[in-house]
Amino acid sequence: MPKNNTQRTSQERQRLEDLLHQRVITGDRGAHNKLCVLRRIWTRQAQQSITAAREQLQHFSKHD
């Protein structure tokens, strides 16, 4: 897992999530912790993207 928070494609995220999930099934606590952290990061990134898109839309609608 890279140390930086670079954006991943949805396919990359899904592959990583599937890999970690398989390790969680086998009882790997470290994989469980990584999966929880990644899900929080991805959720925060998605929320930030939605907020930015809403702000941009409001900006454009005010300038019509």
PDB file of N, CA and C in Angstrom:
ATOM      1  N   MET A   1       0.852  -1.171   0.000  1.00  0.00           N
ATOM      2  CA  MET A   1       0.000   0.000   0.000  1.00  0.00           C
ATOM      3  C   MET A   1       0.896   1.232   0.000  1.00  0.00           C
ATOM      4  N   PRO A   2       0.674   2.152  -0.918  1.00  0.00           N
ATOM      5  CA  PRO A   2       1.531   3.336  -0.965  1.00  0.00           C
ATOM      6  C   PRO A   2       1.336   4.208   0.271  1.00  0.00           C
ATOM      7  N   LYS A   3       2.392   4.925   0.633  1.00  0.00           N
ATOM      8  CA  LYS A   3       2.325   5.779   1.821  1.00  0.00           C
ATOM      9  C   LYS A   3       1.580   7.075   1.551  1.00  0.00           C
ATOM     10  N   ASN A   4       1.545   7.502   0.290  1.00  0.00           N
ATOM     11  CA  ASN A   4       0.845   8.758  -0.001  1.00  0.00           C
ATOM     12  C   ASN A   4      -0.637   8.476  -0.257  1.00  0.00           C
ATOM     13  N   ASN A   5      -1.405   9.527  -0.278  1.00  0.00           N
ATOM     14  CA  ASN A   5      -2.855   9.402  -0.467  1.00  0.00           C
ATOM     15  C   ASN A   5      -3.249   9.720  -1.901  1.00  0.00           C
ATOM     16  N   THR A   6      -2.521   9.169  -2.861  1.00  0.00           N
ATOM     17  CA  THR A   6      -2.842   9.436  -4.254  1.00  0.00           C
ATOM     18  C   THR A   6      -4.208   8.843  -4.578  1.00  0.00           C
ATOM     19  N   GLN A   7      -4.910   9.530  -5.440  1.00  0.00           N
ATOM     20  CA  GLN A   7      -6.223   9.043  -5.862  1.00  0.00           C
ATOM     21  C   GLN A   7      -6.044   7.771  -6.684  1.00  0.00           C
ATOM     22  N   ARG A   8      -6.846   6.797  -6.411  1.00  0.00           N
ATOM     23  CA  ARG A   8      -6.823   5.544  -7.168  1.00  0.00           C
ATOM     24  C   ARG A   8      -8.070   5.491  -8.045  1.00  0.00           C
ATOM     25  N   THR A   9      -7.967   4.730  -9.121  1.00  0.00           N
ATOM     26  CA  THR A   9      -9.156   4.520  -9.933  1.00  0.00           C
ATOM     27  C   THR A   9     -10.099   3.596  -9.163  1.00  0.00           C
ATOM     28  N   SER A  10     -11.345   3.578  -9.562  1.00  0.00           N
ATOM     29  CA  SER A  10     -12.301   2.712  -8.867  1.00  0.00           C
ATOM     30  C   SER A  10     -11.904   1.243  -8.987  1.00  0.00           C
ATOM     31  N   GLN A  11     -11.305   0.860 -10.130  1.00  0.00           N
ATOM     32  CA  GLN A  11     -10.863  -0.525 -10.294  1.00  0.00           C
ATOM     33  C   GLN A  11      -9.708  -0.843  -9.346  1.00  0.00           C
ATOM     34  N   GLU A  12      -8.777   0.097  -9.189  1.00  0.00           N
ATOM     35  CA  GLU A  12      -7.656  -0.114  -8.267  1.00  0.00           C
ATOM     36  C   GLU A  12      -8.153  -0.220  -6.829  1.00  0.00           C
ATOM     37  N   ARG A  13      -9.084   0.652  -6.463  1.00  0.00           N
ATOM     38  CA  ARG A  13      -9.643   0.598  -5.109  1.00  0.00           C
ATOM     39  C   ARG A  13     -10.342  -0.734  -4.876  1.00  0.00           C
ATOM     40  N   GLN A  14     -11.103  -1.182  -5.877  1.00  0.00           N
ATOM     41  CA  GLN A  14     -11.837  -2.437  -5.717  1.00  0.00           C
ATOM     42  C   GLN A  14     -10.887  -3.619  -5.579  1.00  0.00           C
ATOM     43  N   ARG A  15      -9.824  -3.649  -6.399  1.00  0.00           N
ATOM     44  CA  ARG A  15      -8.843  -4.741  -6.285  1.00  0.00           C
ATOM     45  C   ARG A  15      -8.182  -4.745  -4.913  1.00  0.00           C
ATOM     46  N   LEU A  16      -7.781  -3.572  -4.433  1.00  0.00           N
ATOM     47  CA  LEU A  16      -7.147  -3.477  -3.127  1.00  0.00           C
ATOM     48  C   LEU A  16      -8.115  -3.889  -2.026  1.00  0.00           C
ATOM     49  N   GLU A  17      -9.352  -3.415  -2.121  1.00  0.00           N
ATOM     50  CA  GLU A  17     -10.353  -3.776  -1.117  1.00  0.00           C
ATOM     51  C   GLU A  17     -10.613  -5.285  -1.121  1.00  0.00           C
ATOM     52  N   ASP A  18     -10.714  -5.888  -2.303  1.00  0.00           N
ATOM     53  CA  ASP A  18     -10.926  -7.338  -2.395  1.00  0.00           C
ATOM     54  C   ASP A  18      -9.757  -8.109  -1.790  1.00  0.00           C
ATOM     55  N   LEU A  19      -8.530  -7.658  -2.097  1.00  0.00           N
ATOM     56  CA  LEU A  19      -7.338  -8.316  -1.566  1.00  0.00           C
ATOM     57  C   LEU A  19      -7.317  -8.245  -0.041  1.00  0.00           C
ATOM     58  N   LEU A  20      -7.539  -7.055   0.491  1.00  0.00           N
ATOM     59  CA  LEU A  20      -7.545  -6.902   1.941  1.00  0.00           C
ATOM     60  C   LEU A  20      -8.684  -7.682   2.579  1.00  0.00           C
ATOM     61  N   HIS A  21      -9.850  -7.697   1.924  1.00  0.00           N
ATOM     62  CA  HIS A  21     -10.988  -8.433   2.458  1.00  0.00           C
ATOM     63  C   HIS A  21     -10.671  -9.930   2.562  1.00  0.00           C
ATOM     64  N   GLN A  22      -9.995 -10.465   1.557  1.00  0.00           N
ATOM     65  CA  GLN A  22      -9.596 -11.877   1.610  1.00  0.00           C
ATOM     66  C   GLN A  22      -8.666 -12.142   2.785  1.00  0.00           C
ATOM     67  N   ARG A  23      -7.762 -11.195   3.041  1.00  0.00           N
ATOM     68  CA  ARG A  23      -6.849 -11.351   4.177  1.00  0.00           C
ATOM     69  C   ARG A  23      -7.592 -11.230   5.502  1.00  0.00           C
ATOM     70  N   VAL A  24      -8.630 -10.375   5.536  1.00  0.00           N
ATOM     71  CA  VAL A  24      -9.435 -10.228   6.750  1.00  0.00           C
ATOM     72  C   VAL A  24     -10.150 -11.543   7.053  1.00  0.00           C
ATOM     73  N   ILE A  25     -10.661 -12.183   6.016  1.00  0.00           N
ATOM     74  CA  ILE A  25     -11.382 -13.450   6.189  1.00  0.00           C
ATOM     75  C   ILE A  25     -10.493 -14.495   6.850  1.00  0.00           C
ATOM     76  N   THR A  26      -9.196 -14.453   6.531  1.00  0.00           N
ATOM     77  CA  THR A  26      -8.262 -15.431   7.110  1.00  0.00           C
ATOM     78  C   THR A  26      -7.787 -15.023   8.502  1.00  0.00           C
ATOM     79  N   GLY A  27      -8.292 -13.897   9.019  1.00  0.00           N
ATOM     80  CA  GLY A  27      -7.972 -13.493  10.384  1.00  0.00           C
ATOM     81  C   GLY A  27      -6.830 -12.502  10.509  1.00  0.00           C
ATOM     82  N   ASP A  28      -6.445 -11.865   9.427  1.00  0.00           N
ATOM     83  CA  ASP A  28      -5.343 -10.896   9.444  1.00  0.00           C
ATOM     84  C   ASP A  28      -5.844  -9.566  10.006  1.00  0.00           C
ATOM     85  N   ARG A  29      -5.506  -9.279  11.265  1.00  0.00           N
ATOM     86  CA  ARG A  29      -5.962  -8.049  11.919  1.00  0.00           C
ATOM     87  C   ARG A  29      -5.347  -6.812  11.278  1.00  0.00           C
ATOM     88  N   GLY A  30      -4.104  -6.916  10.824  1.00  0.00           N
ATOM     89  CA  GLY A  30      -3.465  -5.792  10.155  1.00  0.00           C
ATOM     90  C   GLY A  30      -4.220  -5.401   8.902  1.00  0.00           C
ATOM     91  N   ALA A  31      -4.664  -6.392   8.137  1.00  0.00           N
ATOM     92  CA  ALA A  31      -5.433  -6.127   6.923  1.00  0.00           C
ATOM     93  C   ALA A  31      -6.760  -5.472   7.280  1.00  0.00           C
ATOM     94  N   HIS A  32      -7.358  -5.912   8.378  1.00  0.00           N
ATOM     95  CA  HIS A  32      -8.619  -5.311   8.825  1.00  0.00           C
ATOM     96  C   HIS A  32      -8.417  -3.838   9.132  1.00  0.00           C
ATOM     97  N   ASN A  33      -7.356  -3.520   9.845  1.00  0.00           N
ATOM     98  CA  ASN A  33      -7.091  -2.126  10.199  1.00  0.00           C
ATOM     99  C   ASN A  33      -6.832  -1.286   8.951  1.00  0.00           C
ATOM    100  N   LYS A  34      -6.046  -1.802   7.999  1.00  0.00           N
ATOM    101  CA  LYS A  34      -5.769  -1.082   6.757  1.00  0.00           C
ATOM    102  C   LYS A  34      -7.058  -0.842   5.974  1.00  0.00           C
ATOM    103  N   LEU A  35      -7.910  -1.862   5.923  1.00  0.00           N
ATOM    104  CA  LEU A  35      -9.168  -1.743   5.192  1.00  0.00           C
ATOM    105  C   LEU A  35     -10.056  -0.657   5.813  1.00  0.00           C
ATOM    106  N   CYS A  36     -10.115  -0.610   7.124  1.00  0.00           N
ATOM    107  CA  CYS A  36     -10.917   0.419   7.803  1.00  0.00           C
ATOM    108  C   CYS A  36     -10.375   1.816   7.502  1.00  0.00           C
ATOM    109  N   VAL A  37      -9.058   1.968   7.562  1.00  0.00           N
ATOM    110  CA  VAL A  37      -8.448   3.269   7.294  1.00  0.00           C
ATOM    111  C   VAL A  37      -8.697   3.686   5.851  1.00  0.00           C
ATOM    112  N   LEU A  38      -8.498   2.771   4.911  1.00  0.00           N
ATOM    113  CA  LEU A  38      -8.711   3.096   3.497  1.00  0.00           C
ATOM    114  C   LEU A  38     -10.157   3.491   3.229  1.00  0.00           C
ATOM    115  N   ARG A  39     -11.090   2.775   3.824  1.00  0.00           N
ATOM    116  CA  ARG A  39     -12.502   3.119   3.619  1.00  0.00           C
ATOM    117  C   ARG A  39     -12.815   4.510   4.153  1.00  0.00           C
ATOM    118  N   ARG A  40     -12.214   4.882   5.294  1.00  0.00           N
ATOM    119  CA  ARG A  40     -12.422   6.231   5.823  1.00  0.00           C
ATOM    120  C   ARG A  40     -11.823   7.278   4.888  1.00  0.00           C
ATOM    121  N   ILE A  41     -10.616   7.011   4.377  1.00  0.00           N
ATOM    122  CA  ILE A  41      -9.967   7.943   3.448  1.00  0.00           C
ATOM    123  C   ILE A  41     -10.812   8.095   2.192  1.00  0.00           C
ATOM    124  N   TRP A  42     -11.254   6.974   1.618  1.00  0.00           N
ATOM    125  CA  TRP A  42     -12.029   7.022   0.381  1.00  0.00           C
ATOM    126  C   TRP A  42     -13.361   7.736   0.589  1.00  0.00           C
ATOM    127  N   THR A  43     -13.985   7.529   1.739  1.00  0.00           N
ATOM    128  CA  THR A  43     -15.240   8.208   2.040  1.00  0.00           C
ATOM    129  C   THR A  43     -15.010   9.710   2.147  1.00  0.00           C
ATOM    130  N   ARG A  44     -13.936  10.113   2.834  1.00  0.00           N
ATOM    131  CA  ARG A  44     -13.622  11.537   2.974  1.00  0.00           C
ATOM    132  C   ARG A  44     -13.336  12.158   1.612  1.00  0.00           C
ATOM    133  N   GLN A  45     -12.574  11.448   0.764  1.00  0.00           N
ATOM    134  CA  GLN A  45     -12.271  11.973  -0.572  1.00  0.00           C
ATOM    135  C   GLN A  45     -13.541  12.136  -1.398  1.00  0.00           C
ATOM    136  N   ALA A  46     -14.450  11.175  -1.296  1.00  0.00           N
ATOM    137  CA  ALA A  46     -15.705  11.249  -2.045  1.00  0.00           C
ATOM    138  C   ALA A  46     -16.542  12.433  -1.553  1.00  0.00           C
ATOM    139  N   GLN A  47     -16.605  12.620  -0.238  1.00  0.00           N
ATOM    140  CA  GLN A  47     -17.365  13.742   0.315  1.00  0.00           C
ATOM    141  C   GLN A  47     -16.773  15.071  -0.128  1.00  0.00           C
ATOM    142  N   GLN A  48     -15.437  15.166  -0.160  1.00  0.00           N
ATOM    143  CA  GLN A  48     -14.785  16.400  -0.594  1.00  0.00           C
ATOM    144  C   GLN A  48     -15.078  16.672  -2.071  1.00  0.00           C
ATOM    145  N   SER A  49     -15.083  15.628  -2.883  1.00  0.00           N
ATOM    146  CA  SER A  49     -15.392  15.791  -4.304  1.00  0.00           C
ATOM    147  C   SER A  49     -16.820  16.266  -4.509  1.00  0.00           C
ATOM    148  N   ILE A  50     -17.741  15.703  -3.746  1.00  0.00           N
ATOM    149  CA  ILE A  50     -19.149  16.099  -3.849  1.00  0.00           C
ATOM    150  C   ILE A  50     -19.314  17.546  -3.423  1.00  0.00           C
ATOM    151  N   THR A  51     -18.674  17.927  -2.330  1.00  0.00           N
ATOM    152  CA  THR A  51     -18.758  19.311  -1.844  1.00  0.00           C
ATOM    153  C   THR A  51     -18.192  20.277  -2.876  1.00  0.00           C
ATOM    154  N   ALA A  52     -17.046  19.943  -3.451  1.00  0.00           N
ATOM    155  CA  ALA A  52     -16.429  20.807  -4.461  1.00  0.00           C
ATOM    156  C   ALA A  52     -17.324  20.943  -5.687  1.00  0.00           C
ATOM    157  N   ALA A  53     -17.940  19.850  -6.105  1.00  0.00           N
ATOM    158  CA  ALA A  53     -18.828  19.889  -7.266  1.00  0.00           C
ATOM    159  C   ALA A  53     -20.056  20.752  -6.980  1.00  0.00           C
ATOM    160  N   ARG A  54     -20.606  20.632  -5.789  1.00  0.00           N
ATOM    161  CA  ARG A  54     -21.769  21.453  -5.416  1.00  0.00           C
ATOM    162  C   ARG A  54     -21.410  22.931  -5.409  1.00  0.00           C
ATOM    163  N   GLU A  55     -20.243  23.264  -4.840  1.00  0.00           N
ATOM    164  CA  GLU A  55     -19.813  24.662  -4.799  1.00  0.00           C
ATOM    165  C   GLU A  55     -19.605  25.204  -6.208  1.00  0.00           C
ATOM    166  N   GLN A  56     -19.023  24.390  -7.063  1.00  0.00           N
ATOM    167  CA  GLN A  56     -18.790  24.818  -8.441  1.00  0.00           C
ATOM    168  C   GLN A  56     -20.120  25.032  -9.162  1.00  0.00           C
ATOM    169  N   LEU A  57     -21.068  24.140  -8.953  1.00  0.00           N
ATOM    170  CA  LEU A  57     -22.372  24.263  -9.566  1.00  0.00           C
ATOM    171  C   LEU A  57     -23.084  25.531  -9.087  1.00  0.00           C
ATOM    172  N   GLN A  58     -23.000  25.809  -7.793  1.00  0.00           N
ATOM    173  CA  GLN A  58     -23.608  27.028  -7.263  1.00  0.00           C
ATOM    174  C   GLN A  58     -22.945  28.262  -7.858  1.00  0.00           C
ATOM    175  N   HIS A  59     -21.644  28.221  -8.012  1.00  0.00           N
ATOM    176  CA  HIS A  59     -20.906  29.347  -8.593  1.00  0.00           C
ATOM    177  C   HIS A  59     -21.371  29.589 -10.028  1.00  0.00           C
ATOM    178  N   PHE A  60     -21.510  28.523 -10.805  1.00  0.00           N
ATOM    179  CA  PHE A  60     -21.932  28.675 -12.205  1.00  0.00           C
ATOM    180  C   PHE A  60     -23.374  29.143 -12.300  1.00  0.00           C
ATOM    181  N   SER A  61     -24.244  28.645 -11.414  1.00  0.00           N
ATOM    182  CA  SER A  61     -25.651  29.024 -11.491  1.00  0.00           C
ATOM    183  C   SER A  61     -25.852  30.488 -11.079  1.00  0.00           C
ATOM    184  N   LYS A  62     -24.972  31.041 -10.244  1.00  0.00           N
ATOM    185  CA  LYS A  62     -25.063  32.444  -9.858  1.00  0.00           C
ATOM    186  C   LYS A  62     -24.622  33.371 -10.989  1.00  0.00           C
ATOM    187  N   HIS A  63     -23.842  32.851 -11.916  1.00  0.00           N
ATOM    188  CA  HIS A  63     -23.312  33.677 -13.011  1.00  0.00           C
ATOM    189  C   HIS A  63     -24.056  33.456 -14.328  1.00  0.00           C
ATOM    190  N   ASP A  64     -25.236  32.937 -14.258  1.00  0.00           N
ATOM    191  CA  ASP A  64     -26.051  32.744 -15.487  1.00  0.00           C
ATOM    192  C   ASP A  64     -26.708  34.016 -15.916  1.00  0.00           C
TER     193      ASP A  64
END
